[in-house]
Amino acid sequence: MKKKKLTGLKKNIINKKVFDKEINLCKMLAKKNRGECGWGQCKYCGVIPFLYKLHKGQLLEKPNEIKKLKSKIWKNQNVRK
């Protein structure tokens, strides 16, 4: 039996340049505000998985997938995740 693919997920809704710009903005605000921005605490934030979904067209739902992605993005950042 084939797995059904989720509909509506398209790759490159935002391009790599926009994705990187938004991630860098996120990092800058988090560093400036010690792990918090206008959206809340980085630890609970859904912005990074959302941007990933818009860029890669892949929905991350499992907590360990999200944690792994955030760790990769926050690498070398001195921010409370």
C-alpha atoms as a PDB file:
ATOM      1  CA  MET A   1       0.000   0.000   0.000  1.00  0.00           C
ATOM      2  CA  LYS A   2       1.385   3.399  -1.002  1.00  0.00           C
ATOM      3  CA  LYS A   3       1.698   6.184   1.511  1.00  0.00           C
ATOM      4  CA  LYS A   4      -0.462   9.135   0.624  1.00  0.00           C
ATOM      5  CA  LYS A   5       1.458  12.333   0.202  1.00  0.00           C
ATOM      6  CA  LEU A   6       0.116  15.357   2.026  1.00  0.00           C
ATOM      7  CA  THR A   7      -1.480  17.755  -0.381  1.00  0.00           C
ATOM      8  CA  GLY A   8      -0.623  21.409  -0.506  1.00  0.00           C
ATOM      9  CA  LEU A   9       3.055  21.015   0.369  1.00  0.00           C
ATOM     10  CA  LYS A  10       5.147  22.596  -2.320  1.00  0.00           C
ATOM     11  CA  LYS A  11       8.882  23.071  -2.352  1.00  0.00           C
ATOM     12  CA  ASN A  12      10.390  26.554  -2.653  1.00  0.00           C
ATOM     13  CA  ILE A  13       7.348  28.631  -1.689  1.00  0.00           C
ATOM     14  CA  ILE A  14      10.140  30.811  -0.332  1.00  0.00           C
ATOM     15  CA  ASN A  15      13.551  30.567  -1.947  1.00  0.00           C
ATOM     16  CA  LYS A  16      16.857  29.847  -0.173  1.00  0.00           C
ATOM     17  CA  LYS A  17      17.785  33.524   0.022  1.00  0.00           C
ATOM     18  CA  VAL A  18      14.546  34.460   1.802  1.00  0.00           C
ATOM     19  CA  PHE A  19      14.781  31.386   4.044  1.00  0.00           C
ATOM     20  CA  ASP A  20      18.329  32.294   5.116  1.00  0.00           C
ATOM     21  CA  LYS A  21      17.367  35.931   5.653  1.00  0.00           C
ATOM     22  CA  GLU A  22      14.444  34.980   7.905  1.00  0.00           C
ATOM     23  CA  ILE A  23      16.533  32.465   9.870  1.00  0.00           C
ATOM     24  CA  ASN A  24      19.260  35.067  10.380  1.00  0.00           C
ATOM     25  CA  LEU A  25      16.668  37.576  11.582  1.00  0.00           C
ATOM     26  CA  CYS A  26      15.381  34.971  14.007  1.00  0.00           C
ATOM     27  CA  LYS A  27      18.912  34.309  15.289  1.00  0.00           C
ATOM     28  CA  MET A  28      19.645  38.030  15.643  1.00  0.00           C
ATOM     29  CA  LEU A  29      16.476  38.703  17.663  1.00  0.00           C
ATOM     30  CA  ALA A  30      17.016  35.645  19.841  1.00  0.00           C
ATOM     31  CA  LYS A  31      20.593  36.652  20.606  1.00  0.00           C
ATOM     32  CA  LYS A  32      19.608  40.253  21.293  1.00  0.00           C
ATOM     33  CA  ASN A  33      16.744  39.242  23.591  1.00  0.00           C
ATOM     34  CA  ARG A  34      18.407  36.208  25.223  1.00  0.00           C
ATOM     35  CA  GLY A  35      16.272  33.511  23.686  1.00  0.00           C
ATOM     36  CA  GLU A  36      13.052  35.446  23.266  1.00  0.00           C
ATOM     37  CA  CYS A  37      11.527  37.603  20.588  1.00  0.00           C
ATOM     38  CA  GLY A  38       8.106  39.086  19.886  1.00  0.00           C
ATOM     39  CA  TRP A  39       6.740  35.596  19.204  1.00  0.00           C
ATOM     40  CA  GLY A  40       7.861  34.037  22.475  1.00  0.00           C
ATOM     41  CA  GLN A  41      10.659  31.783  23.654  1.00  0.00           C
ATOM     42  CA  CYS A  42      12.881  30.048  21.100  1.00  0.00           C
ATOM     43  CA  LYS A  43      12.406  26.741  22.906  1.00  0.00           C
ATOM     44  CA  TYR A  44       8.693  26.690  22.021  1.00  0.00           C
ATOM     45  CA  CYS A  45       8.826  28.595  18.748  1.00  0.00           C
ATOM     46  CA  GLY A  46       7.293  27.205  15.581  1.00  0.00           C
ATOM     47  CA  VAL A  47       8.822  29.733  13.184  1.00  0.00           C
ATOM     48  CA  ILE A  48      11.797  27.585  12.181  1.00  0.00           C
ATOM     49  CA  PRO A  49       9.708  24.490  11.324  1.00  0.00           C
ATOM     50  CA  PHE A  50       7.259  26.758   9.471  1.00  0.00           C
ATOM     51  CA  LEU A  51      10.017  28.379   7.395  1.00  0.00           C
ATOM     52  CA  TYR A  52      11.451  24.920   6.709  1.00  0.00           C
ATOM     53  CA  LYS A  53       8.049  23.759   5.469  1.00  0.00           C
ATOM     54  CA  LEU A  54       7.766  26.764   3.146  1.00  0.00           C
ATOM     55  CA  HIS A  55      11.271  26.287   1.761  1.00  0.00           C
ATOM     56  CA  LYS A  56      11.643  22.498   1.624  1.00  0.00           C
ATOM     57  CA  GLY A  57       7.989  21.529   1.273  1.00  0.00           C
ATOM     58  CA  GLN A  58       8.383  19.078   4.137  1.00  0.00           C
ATOM     59  CA  LEU A  59       6.200  19.099   7.237  1.00  0.00           C
ATOM     60  CA  LEU A  60       8.010  18.221  10.456  1.00  0.00           C
ATOM     61  CA  GLU A  61       5.646  16.923  13.121  1.00  0.00           C
ATOM     62  CA  LYS A  62       7.693  14.673  15.351  1.00  0.00           C
ATOM     63  CA  PRO A  63       9.310  16.499  18.291  1.00  0.00           C
ATOM     64  CA  ASN A  64      12.676  14.819  17.675  1.00  0.00           C
ATOM     65  CA  GLU A  65      12.676  15.995  14.014  1.00  0.00           C
ATOM     66  CA  ILE A  66      11.974  19.570  15.094  1.00  0.00           C
ATOM     67  CA  LYS A  67      14.599  19.405  17.835  1.00  0.00           C
ATOM     68  CA  LYS A  68      17.194  18.106  15.371  1.00  0.00           C
ATOM     69  CA  LEU A  69      16.401  20.893  12.878  1.00  0.00           C
ATOM     70  CA  LYS A  70      16.559  23.596  15.552  1.00  0.00           C
ATOM     71  CA  SER A  71      19.865  22.209  16.845  1.00  0.00           C
ATOM     72  CA  LYS A  72      21.308  22.333  13.351  1.00  0.00           C
ATOM     73  CA  ILE A  73      20.169  25.926  12.844  1.00  0.00           C
ATOM     74  CA  TRP A  74      21.194  27.153  16.300  1.00  0.00           C
ATOM     75  CA  LYS A  75      24.630  25.542  16.061  1.00  0.00           C
ATOM     76  CA  ASN A  76      27.268  27.992  17.288  1.00  0.00           C
ATOM     77  CA  GLN A  77      24.656  30.347  18.738  1.00  0.00           C
ATOM     78  CA  ASN A  78      24.789  31.392  22.380  1.00  0.00           C
ATOM     79  CA  VAL A  79      21.031  31.434  22.900  1.00  0.00           C
ATOM     80  CA  ARG A  80      18.726  29.584  25.274  1.00  0.00           C
ATOM     81  CA  LYS A  81      16.922  27.185  22.964  1.00  0.00           C
END
